[in-house]
C-alpha atoms as a PDB file:
ATOM      1  CA  MET A   1      -8.342  19.091  18.931  1.00  0.00           C
ATOM      2  CA  ASP A   2      -9.499  20.407  15.556  1.00  0.00           C
ATOM      3  CA  GLY A   3      -8.417  18.549  12.443  1.00  0.00           C
ATOM      4  CA  ARG A   4      -5.826  21.042  11.229  1.00  0.00           C
ATOM      5  CA  ASP A   5      -4.698  22.927  14.336  1.00  0.00           C
ATOM      6  CA  TRP A   6      -1.789  20.681  15.289  1.00  0.00           C
ATOM      7  CA  GLU A   7       1.730  20.096  14.083  1.00  0.00           C
ATOM      8  CA  LEU A   8       4.591  17.773  14.925  1.00  0.00           C
ATOM      9  CA  VAL A   9       8.041  19.384  14.855  1.00  0.00           C
ATOM     10  CA  GLY A  10       9.716  16.044  14.186  1.00  0.00           C
ATOM     11  CA  ALA A  11       7.253  15.196  11.410  1.00  0.00           C
ATOM     12  CA  PRO A  12       6.798  18.433   9.458  1.00  0.00           C
ATOM     13  CA  ASN A  13       4.481  17.070   6.770  1.00  0.00           C
ATOM     14  CA  ALA A  14       2.138  15.341   9.224  1.00  0.00           C
ATOM     15  CA  ARG A  15      -1.475  16.292   8.727  1.00  0.00           C
ATOM     16  CA  ASP A  16      -5.074  15.347   9.306  1.00  0.00           C
ATOM     17  CA  LEU A  17      -7.206  14.564   6.280  1.00  0.00           C
ATOM     18  CA  GLY A  18     -10.223  15.923   8.110  1.00  0.00           C
ATOM     19  CA  GLY A  19     -12.203  18.655   6.390  1.00  0.00           C
ATOM     20  CA  LEU A  20     -11.618  17.521   2.814  1.00  0.00           C
ATOM     21  CA  ARG A  21     -14.870  17.700   0.843  1.00  0.00           C
ATOM     22  CA  THR A  22     -16.593  14.935  -1.046  1.00  0.00           C
ATOM     23  CA  THR A  23     -18.352  15.438  -4.336  1.00  0.00           C
ATOM     24  CA  ASP A  24     -21.728  14.969  -2.614  1.00  0.00           C
ATOM     25  CA  GLY A  25     -21.152  17.756  -0.106  1.00  0.00           C
ATOM     26  CA  ARG A  26     -19.913  15.814   2.919  1.00  0.00           C
ATOM     27  CA  ARG A  27     -16.538  16.192   4.650  1.00  0.00           C
ATOM     28  CA  VAL A  28     -13.951  13.837   6.062  1.00  0.00           C
ATOM     29  CA  ARG A  29     -14.230  13.805   9.845  1.00  0.00           C
ATOM     30  CA  ALA A  30     -11.418  15.555  11.695  1.00  0.00           C
ATOM     31  CA  GLY A  31      -9.124  13.413  13.781  1.00  0.00           C
ATOM     32  CA  ARG A  32      -9.939  10.127  12.015  1.00  0.00           C
ATOM     33  CA  LEU A  33      -7.259   9.777   9.300  1.00  0.00           C
ATOM     34  CA  LEU A  34      -3.756  11.021  10.106  1.00  0.00           C
ATOM     35  CA  ARG A  35      -0.904  10.881   7.579  1.00  0.00           C
ATOM     36  CA  THR A  36       2.688  11.354   8.730  1.00  0.00           C
ATOM     37  CA  PRO A  37       6.275  10.431   8.019  1.00  0.00           C
ATOM     38  CA  ALA A  38       7.965   7.889  10.290  1.00  0.00           C
ATOM     39  CA  LEU A  39       7.653   8.899  13.933  1.00  0.00           C
ATOM     40  CA  GLY A  40      11.185   8.135  15.106  1.00  0.00           C
ATOM     41  CA  ARG A  41      12.248  11.781  15.089  1.00  0.00           C
ATOM     42  CA  LEU A  42       9.387  13.187  17.133  1.00  0.00           C
ATOM     43  CA  THR A  43      10.567  15.571  19.819  1.00  0.00           C
ATOM     44  CA  ASP A  44       9.615  15.326  23.473  1.00  0.00           C
ATOM     45  CA  GLU A  45       7.290  18.269  22.854  1.00  0.00           C
ATOM     46  CA  ASP A  46       5.586  16.336  20.049  1.00  0.00           C
ATOM     47  CA  LEU A  47       4.559  13.452  22.274  1.00  0.00           C
ATOM     48  CA  PRO A  48       1.725  15.239  24.130  1.00  0.00           C
ATOM     49  CA  VAL A  49       0.352  16.338  20.746  1.00  0.00           C
ATOM     50  CA  LEU A  50       0.429  12.749  19.517  1.00  0.00           C
ATOM     51  CA  GLY A  51      -1.216  11.712  22.765  1.00  0.00           C
ATOM     52  CA  LYS A  52      -4.125  14.075  22.117  1.00  0.00           C
ATOM     53  CA  LEU A  53      -4.494  12.735  18.594  1.00  0.00           C
ATOM     54  CA  ALA A  54      -4.686   9.292  20.232  1.00  0.00           C
ATOM     55  CA  PRO A  55      -4.307   6.986  17.214  1.00  0.00           C
ATOM     56  CA  ALA A  56      -5.864   3.601  17.888  1.00  0.00           C
ATOM     57  CA  CYS A  57      -3.954   1.996  15.017  1.00  0.00           C
ATOM     58  CA  VAL A  58      -0.640   2.883  13.369  1.00  0.00           C
ATOM     59  CA  VAL A  59      -0.009   1.493   9.880  1.00  0.00           C
ATOM     60  CA  ASP A  60       3.689   1.380   8.939  1.00  0.00           C
ATOM     61  CA  LEU A  61       4.240   0.945   5.199  1.00  0.00           C
ATOM     62  CA  ARG A  62       8.032   0.565   5.430  1.00  0.00           C
ATOM     63  CA  ASP A  63      10.075  -2.510   4.633  1.00  0.00           C
ATOM     64  CA  THR A  64      11.881  -4.123   7.562  1.00  0.00           C
ATOM     65  CA  SER A  65      15.237  -3.101   6.060  1.00  0.00           C
ATOM     66  CA  GLU A  66      14.193   0.565   6.310  1.00  0.00           C
ATOM     67  CA  MET A  67      12.987   0.148   9.861  1.00  0.00           C
ATOM     68  CA  ALA A  68      16.270  -1.481  10.897  1.00  0.00           C
ATOM     69  CA  VAL A  69      18.322   1.631  10.098  1.00  0.00           C
ATOM     70  CA  ALA A  70      15.816   4.233  11.336  1.00  0.00           C
ATOM     71  CA  PRO A  71      14.985   5.378  14.874  1.00  0.00           C
ATOM     72  CA  ALA A  72      12.096   3.427  16.341  1.00  0.00           C
ATOM     73  CA  ASP A  73       8.718   5.155  16.137  1.00  0.00           C
ATOM     74  CA  ARG A  74       7.950   7.168  19.256  1.00  0.00           C
ATOM     75  CA  LEU A  75       4.388   6.311  20.217  1.00  0.00           C
ATOM     76  CA  VAL A  76       2.072   7.308  23.024  1.00  0.00           C
ATOM     77  CA  GLY A  77      -0.240   4.819  24.680  1.00  0.00           C
ATOM     78  CA  GLU A  78      -0.601   1.366  23.186  1.00  0.00           C
ATOM     79  CA  PRO A  79      -1.934   1.734  19.653  1.00  0.00           C
ATOM     80  CA  ARG A  80      -2.241  -1.336  17.471  1.00  0.00           C
ATOM     81  CA  VAL A  81       0.786  -1.306  15.137  1.00  0.00           C
ATOM     82  CA  VAL A  82       0.432  -3.018  11.754  1.00  0.00           C
ATOM     83  CA  HIS A  83       3.352  -3.369   9.350  1.00  0.00           C
ATOM     84  CA  LEU A  84       2.312  -3.490   5.694  1.00  0.00           C
ATOM     85  CA  PRO A  85       5.458  -3.204   3.557  1.00  0.00           C
ATOM     86  CA  VAL A  86       4.517  -2.136   0.044  1.00  0.00           C
ATOM     87  CA  HIS A  87       7.972  -1.980  -1.563  1.00  0.00           C
ATOM     88  CA  ASP A  88       9.975  -4.769  -3.144  1.00  0.00           C
ATOM     89  CA  PRO A  89      13.484  -3.980  -1.824  1.00  0.00           C
ATOM     90  CA  ALA A  90      15.051  -6.173  -4.522  1.00  0.00           C
ATOM     91  CA  HIS A  91      13.312  -4.438  -7.434  1.00  0.00           C
ATOM     92  CA  PRO A  92      15.862  -2.485  -9.562  1.00  0.00           C
ATOM     93  CA  VAL A  93      13.961   0.796  -9.436  1.00  0.00           C
ATOM     94  CA  PHE A  94      13.887   0.742  -5.624  1.00  0.00           C
ATOM     95  CA  THR A  95      17.548  -0.181  -5.296  1.00  0.00           C
ATOM     96  CA  TYR A  96      18.401   2.594  -7.752  1.00  0.00           C
ATOM     97  CA  VAL A  97      16.512   5.240  -5.780  1.00  0.00           C
ATOM     98  CA  SER A  98      18.141   3.996  -2.557  1.00  0.00           C
ATOM     99  CA  ALA A  99      21.555   4.266  -4.219  1.00  0.00           C
ATOM    100  CA  VAL A 100      20.772   7.854  -5.239  1.00  0.00           C
ATOM    101  CA  LEU A 101      19.785   8.795  -1.700  1.00  0.00           C
ATOM    102  CA  LEU A 102      22.867   7.118  -0.211  1.00  0.00           C
ATOM    103  CA  GLY A 103      25.242   8.765  -2.666  1.00  0.00           C
ATOM    104  CA  HIS A 104      26.398   5.425  -4.077  1.00  0.00           C
ATOM    105  CA  ASP A 105      28.043   4.858  -7.438  1.00  0.00           C
ATOM    106  CA  LEU A 106      25.278   4.614 -10.043  1.00  0.00           C
ATOM    107  CA  GLU A 107      27.381   2.799 -12.637  1.00  0.00           C
ATOM    108  CA  ALA A 108      25.404  -0.398 -12.112  1.00  0.00           C
ATOM    109  CA  TYR A 109      22.199   1.440 -13.027  1.00  0.00           C
ATOM    110  CA  ASP A 110      23.131   2.798 -16.445  1.00  0.00           C
ATOM    111  CA  GLU A 111      19.671   2.461 -17.989  1.00  0.00           C
ATOM    112  CA  LEU A 112      17.784   3.882 -15.011  1.00  0.00           C
ATOM    113  CA  ALA A 113      20.356   6.635 -14.520  1.00  0.00           C
ATOM    114  CA  GLY A 114      20.016   7.530 -18.180  1.00  0.00           C
ATOM    115  CA  GLU A 115      16.263   7.882 -17.831  1.00  0.00           C
ATOM    116  CA  GLY A 116      16.722  10.034 -14.727  1.00  0.00           C
ATOM    117  CA  THR A 117      15.306  10.008 -11.232  1.00  0.00           C
ATOM    118  CA  PRO A 118      11.934  11.563 -12.183  1.00  0.00           C
ATOM    119  CA  ALA A 119      11.344   8.570 -14.477  1.00  0.00           C
ATOM    120  CA  ALA A 120      12.331   6.208 -11.654  1.00  0.00           C
ATOM    121  CA  MET A 121       9.873   7.892  -9.326  1.00  0.00           C
ATOM    122  CA  ALA A 122       7.117   7.575 -11.929  1.00  0.00           C
ATOM    123  CA  ALA A 123       7.946   3.869 -12.234  1.00  0.00           C
ATOM    124  CA  ILE A 124       7.576   3.511  -8.465  1.00  0.00           C
ATOM    125  CA  TYR A 125       4.130   5.078  -8.622  1.00  0.00           C
ATOM    126  CA  ARG A 126       3.123   2.644 -11.361  1.00  0.00           C
ATOM    127  CA  TRP A 127       4.365  -0.130  -9.097  1.00  0.00           C
ATOM    128  CA  PHE A 128       2.013   1.107  -6.376  1.00  0.00           C
ATOM    129  CA  VAL A 129      -0.848   0.110  -8.675  1.00  0.00           C
ATOM    130  CA  THR A 130       0.410  -3.226 -10.009  1.00  0.00           C
ATOM    131  CA  GLY A 131       3.067  -4.546  -7.617  1.00  0.00           C
ATOM    132  CA  GLU A 132       1.877  -7.592  -5.707  1.00  0.00           C
ATOM    133  CA  SER A 133       3.119  -6.401  -2.310  1.00  0.00           C
ATOM    134  CA  ALA A 134       1.762  -2.917  -2.993  1.00  0.00           C
ATOM    135  CA  ARG A 135      -1.706  -4.184  -3.813  1.00  0.00           C
ATOM    136  CA  ALA A 136      -1.710  -6.429  -0.745  1.00  0.00           C
ATOM    137  CA  GLY A 137      -0.504  -3.682   1.583  1.00  0.00           C
ATOM    138  CA  PHE A 138      -2.786  -0.925   0.349  1.00  0.00           C
ATOM    139  CA  SER A 139      -5.753  -3.310   0.312  1.00  0.00           C
ATOM    140  CA  ALA A 140      -5.137  -4.317   3.927  1.00  0.00           C
ATOM    141  CA  ALA A 141      -4.722  -0.677   4.967  1.00  0.00           C
ATOM    142  CA  VAL A 142      -8.087   0.276   3.450  1.00  0.00           C
ATOM    143  CA  ARG A 143      -9.796  -2.540   5.329  1.00  0.00           C
ATOM    144  CA  LEU A 144      -8.173  -1.397   8.579  1.00  0.00           C
ATOM    145  CA  ALA A 145      -9.451   2.143   7.995  1.00  0.00           C
ATOM    146  CA  ALA A 146     -12.968   0.786   7.529  1.00  0.00           C
ATOM    147  CA  GLU A 147     -13.054  -0.675  11.059  1.00  0.00           C
ATOM    148  CA  ALA A 148     -14.242   1.760  13.718  1.00  0.00           C
ATOM    149  CA  GLY A 149     -11.994   0.161  16.333  1.00  0.00           C
ATOM    150  CA  ASN A 150      -8.892   1.246  14.390  1.00  0.00           C
ATOM    151  CA  LEU A 151      -9.850   4.934  14.403  1.00  0.00           C
ATOM    152  CA  PRO A 152      -8.141   7.304  14.623  1.00  0.00           C
ATOM    153  CA  LEU A 153      -5.866   5.600  12.097  1.00  0.00           C
ATOM    154  CA  LEU A 154      -2.363   6.987  11.579  1.00  0.00           C
ATOM    155  CA  PHE A 155      -0.446   5.787   8.535  1.00  0.00           C
ATOM    156  CA  HIS A 156       3.115   6.469   7.483  1.00  0.00           C
ATOM    157  CA  CYS A 157       6.094   5.264   5.491  1.00  0.00           C
ATOM    158  CA  SER A 158       9.551   6.804   5.793  1.00  0.00           C
ATOM    159  CA  ALA A 159       9.256  10.341   4.410  1.00  0.00           C
ATOM    160  CA  GLY A 160       5.447  10.303   4.425  1.00  0.00           C
ATOM    161  CA  LYS A 161       5.059  11.442   0.830  1.00  0.00           C
ATOM    162  CA  ASP A 162       4.977   8.593  -1.708  1.00  0.00           C
ATOM    163  CA  ARG A 163       3.599   5.381  -0.203  1.00  0.00           C
ATOM    164  CA  THR A 164       1.733   7.444   2.366  1.00  0.00           C
ATOM    165  CA  GLY A 165       0.624   9.806  -0.388  1.00  0.00           C
ATOM    166  CA  TRP A 166      -0.781   7.026  -2.548  1.00  0.00           C
ATOM    167  CA  LEU A 167      -2.618   5.434   0.388  1.00  0.00           C
ATOM    168  CA  ALA A 168      -4.168   8.834   1.097  1.00  0.00           C
ATOM    169  CA  VAL A 169      -5.245   9.045  -2.554  1.00  0.00           C
ATOM    170  CA  VAL A 170      -6.802   5.571  -2.351  1.00  0.00           C
ATOM    171  CA  LEU A 171      -8.670   6.275   0.890  1.00  0.00           C
ATOM    172  CA  LEU A 172      -9.898   9.696  -0.166  1.00  0.00           C
ATOM    173  CA  THR A 173     -11.040   8.437  -3.571  1.00  0.00           C
ATOM    174  CA  ALA A 174     -12.909   5.573  -1.898  1.00  0.00           C
ATOM    175  CA  LEU A 175     -14.608   8.176   0.306  1.00  0.00           C
ATOM    176  CA  GLY A 176     -15.653  10.225  -2.720  1.00  0.00           C
ATOM    177  CA  VAL A 177     -13.428  13.241  -2.041  1.00  0.00           C
ATOM    178  CA  ASP A 178     -13.132  15.701  -4.912  1.00  0.00           C
ATOM    179  CA  ASP A 179     -10.174  14.943  -7.202  1.00  0.00           C
ATOM    180  CA  ALA A 180      -8.822  18.495  -6.975  1.00  0.00           C
ATOM    181  CA  GLU A 181      -8.769  18.316  -3.166  1.00  0.00           C
ATOM    182  CA  ILE A 182      -6.983  14.967  -3.301  1.00  0.00           C
ATOM    183  CA  ARG A 183      -4.311  16.380  -5.607  1.00  0.00           C
ATOM    184  CA  ALA A 184      -3.896  19.504  -3.488  1.00  0.00           C
ATOM    185  CA  ASP A 185      -3.347  17.446  -0.342  1.00  0.00           C
ATOM    186  CA  TYR A 186      -0.795  15.270  -2.156  1.00  0.00           C
ATOM    187  CA  LEU A 187       1.162  18.315  -3.355  1.00  0.00           C
ATOM    188  CA  ARG A 188       1.134  20.001   0.083  1.00  0.00           C
ATOM    189  CA  ASN A 189       4.166  17.916   0.973  1.00  0.00           C
ATOM    190  CA  ASN A 190       6.486  20.229  -0.965  1.00  0.00           C
ATOM    191  CA  GLU A 191       5.216  23.314   0.822  1.00  0.00           C
ATOM    192  CA  LEU A 192       5.496  21.693   4.247  1.00  0.00           C
ATOM    193  CA  THR A 193       9.001  20.273   3.767  1.00  0.00           C
ATOM    194  CA  GLY A 194      10.724  22.933   1.646  1.00  0.00           C
ATOM    195  CA  SER A 195      13.292  24.090   4.191  1.00  0.00           C
ATOM    196  CA  LEU A 196      13.964  20.552   5.420  1.00  0.00           C
ATOM    197  CA  ARG A 197      14.496  19.390   1.845  1.00  0.00           C
ATOM    198  CA  GLU A 198      17.223  21.982   1.258  1.00  0.00           C
ATOM    199  CA  VAL A 199      18.947  21.074   4.534  1.00  0.00           C
ATOM    200  CA  LEU A 200      18.929  17.407   3.520  1.00  0.00           C
ATOM    201  CA  LEU A 201      20.360  18.206   0.097  1.00  0.00           C
ATOM    202  CA  GLU A 202      23.162  20.306   1.593  1.00  0.00           C
ATOM    203  CA  ALA A 203      24.030  17.562   4.068  1.00  0.00           C
ATOM    204  CA  MET A 204      24.080  14.926   1.335  1.00  0.00           C
ATOM    205  CA  VAL A 205      26.394  17.006  -0.854  1.00  0.00           C
ATOM    206  CA  ARG A 206      28.741  17.574   2.085  1.00  0.00           C
ATOM    207  CA  ARG A 207      28.964  13.811   2.630  1.00  0.00           C
ATOM    208  CA  HIS A 208      29.290  13.058  -1.094  1.00  0.00           C
ATOM    209  CA  PRO A 209      30.877  16.095  -2.839  1.00  0.00           C
ATOM    210  CA  THR A 210      30.446  14.572  -6.321  1.00  0.00           C
ATOM    211  CA  LEU A 211      26.708  14.190  -5.829  1.00  0.00           C
ATOM    212  CA  ASP A 212      24.532  16.233  -8.185  1.00  0.00           C
ATOM    213  CA  PRO A 213      21.722  17.778  -6.099  1.00  0.00           C
ATOM    214  CA  GLU A 214      19.463  17.794  -9.144  1.00  0.00           C
ATOM    215  CA  THR A 215      19.736  14.013  -9.314  1.00  0.00           C
ATOM    216  CA  VAL A 216      18.488  13.734  -5.748  1.00  0.00           C
ATOM    217  CA  ARG A 217      15.895  16.511  -5.653  1.00  0.00           C
ATOM    218  CA  PRO A 218      13.220  14.585  -7.598  1.00  0.00           C
ATOM    219  CA  VAL A 219      13.362  11.822  -4.976  1.00  0.00           C
ATOM    220  CA  LEU A 220      12.770  14.295  -2.138  1.00  0.00           C
ATOM    221  CA  GLU A 221       9.756  15.963  -3.745  1.00  0.00           C
ATOM    222  CA  VAL A 222       6.298  14.994  -4.841  1.00  0.00           C
ATOM    223  CA  ARG A 223       5.397  16.017  -8.366  1.00  0.00           C
ATOM    224  CA  PRO A 224       2.158  16.040 -10.353  1.00  0.00           C
ATOM    225  CA  GLU A 225       3.683  13.722 -12.940  1.00  0.00           C
ATOM    226  CA  TYR A 226       4.315  11.051 -10.298  1.00  0.00           C
ATOM    227  CA  LEU A 227       0.669  11.023  -9.296  1.00  0.00           C
ATOM    228  CA  ASP A 228      -0.367  11.112 -12.939  1.00  0.00           C
ATOM    229  CA  ALA A 229       1.822   8.051 -13.622  1.00  0.00           C
ATOM    230  CA  ALA A 230      -0.164   6.110 -11.017  1.00  0.00           C
ATOM    231  CA  TYR A 231      -3.485   7.358 -12.375  1.00  0.00           C
ATOM    232  CA  ASP A 232      -2.408   6.394 -15.903  1.00  0.00           C
ATOM    233  CA  GLU A 233      -1.493   2.908 -14.682  1.00  0.00           C
ATOM    234  CA  VAL A 234      -4.876   2.594 -12.987  1.00  0.00           C
ATOM    235  CA  ARG A 235      -6.600   3.414 -16.274  1.00  0.00           C
ATOM    236  CA  ARG A 236      -4.280   1.171 -18.311  1.00  0.00           C
ATOM    237  CA  VAL A 237      -4.769  -1.889 -16.123  1.00  0.00           C
ATOM    238  CA  HIS A 238      -8.265  -1.430 -14.716  1.00  0.00           C
ATOM    239  CA  GLY A 239      -9.991   1.170 -16.868  1.00  0.00           C
ATOM    240  CA  SER A 240     -11.124   3.311 -13.918  1.00  0.00           C
ATOM    241  CA  PHE A 241     -10.314   4.011 -10.288  1.00  0.00           C
ATOM    242  CA  GLU A 242     -13.569   2.370  -9.268  1.00  0.00           C
ATOM    243  CA  ALA A 243     -12.458  -0.845 -10.961  1.00  0.00           C
ATOM    244  CA  TYR A 244      -8.999  -0.551  -9.369  1.00  0.00           C
ATOM    245  CA  LEU A 245     -10.567  -0.303  -5.927  1.00  0.00           C
ATOM    246  CA  ARG A 246     -12.853  -3.255  -6.616  1.00  0.00           C
ATOM    247  CA  ASP A 247     -10.639  -5.582  -8.657  1.00  0.00           C
ATOM    248  CA  GLY A 248      -7.124  -4.439  -7.805  1.00  0.00           C
ATOM    249  CA  LEU A 249      -7.577  -3.906  -4.078  1.00  0.00           C
ATOM    250  CA  GLY A 250     -10.648  -6.000  -3.342  1.00  0.00           C
ATOM    251  CA  VAL A 251     -12.530  -3.092  -1.794  1.00  0.00           C
ATOM    252  CA  THR A 252     -16.110  -4.348  -1.601  1.00  0.00           C
ATOM    253  CA  ASP A 253     -19.279  -2.296  -1.447  1.00  0.00           C
ATOM    254  CA  GLU A 254     -19.481  -3.206   2.251  1.00  0.00           C
ATOM    255  CA  VAL A 255     -16.008  -1.830   2.918  1.00  0.00           C
ATOM    256  CA  ARG A 256     -16.830   1.356   0.998  1.00  0.00           C
ATOM    257  CA  ALA A 257     -20.009   1.798   3.052  1.00  0.00           C
ATOM    258  CA  ALA A 258     -18.111   1.277   6.316  1.00  0.00           C
ATOM    259  CA  LEU A 259     -15.474   3.802   5.275  1.00  0.00           C
ATOM    260  CA  ARG A 260     -18.116   6.418   4.571  1.00  0.00           C
ATOM    261  CA  ASP A 261     -20.070   5.665   7.742  1.00  0.00           C
ATOM    262  CA  ASN A 262     -17.014   5.901   9.977  1.00  0.00           C
ATOM    263  CA  LEU A 263     -15.006   8.624   8.260  1.00  0.00           C
ATOM    264  CA  LEU A 264     -17.454  11.164   6.843  1.00  0.00           C
ATOM    265  CA  GLU A 265     -19.450  13.793   8.678  1.00  0.00           C
END
């Protein structure tokens, strides 16, 4: 199965990172790194496709509270499943975004509501860089990807765009993929989920008629400014992405070499 010739109906933004080019002319191997949303809504027709992809390891970046209210992942075979929650469910910015998505009263979040949901999303991306659980989870995920026995590696969160998106950025940067290709893959989410996003917005407004769709839309999209907020935080705290990988995530030269050996053509 070629790196980009498959799709999962129940996971519309699922994709293989294979084929992306590095700055030294190599490419990410097809079928080695698979990024998806949660797999609980896969259809019966999706399961043979997942079986052909044959992930050896599935990394779930969700918090247990998210998993408790979502359908269980539908998996094929017996992949190793590793839970690496990277959110702090008690952090105000996360509870605010959850309240937005659930149509709850936002009165308790006056300051965050005043700044708007795009600002909250940017704060989440900064958290990806500095939050203790985020650094621990992303660090562990990189080390898993460096081990040949975990490949193909499939990684996901809930929607497969933010936590999953940042882990893809981290892995691809560690592999030396061109920055423009990394950004283009990150932004593909909007193209792949456009119709689903509008259906979700309509359903949310039906359930909560006072809900302003434009308050929710920024949470359902990826935006360049979200990614830039994380990059800015990397530079603010560590000076460079190389230093972030080394000092923030503990990615050693040996891990980088293993990643390149196992994941690049």
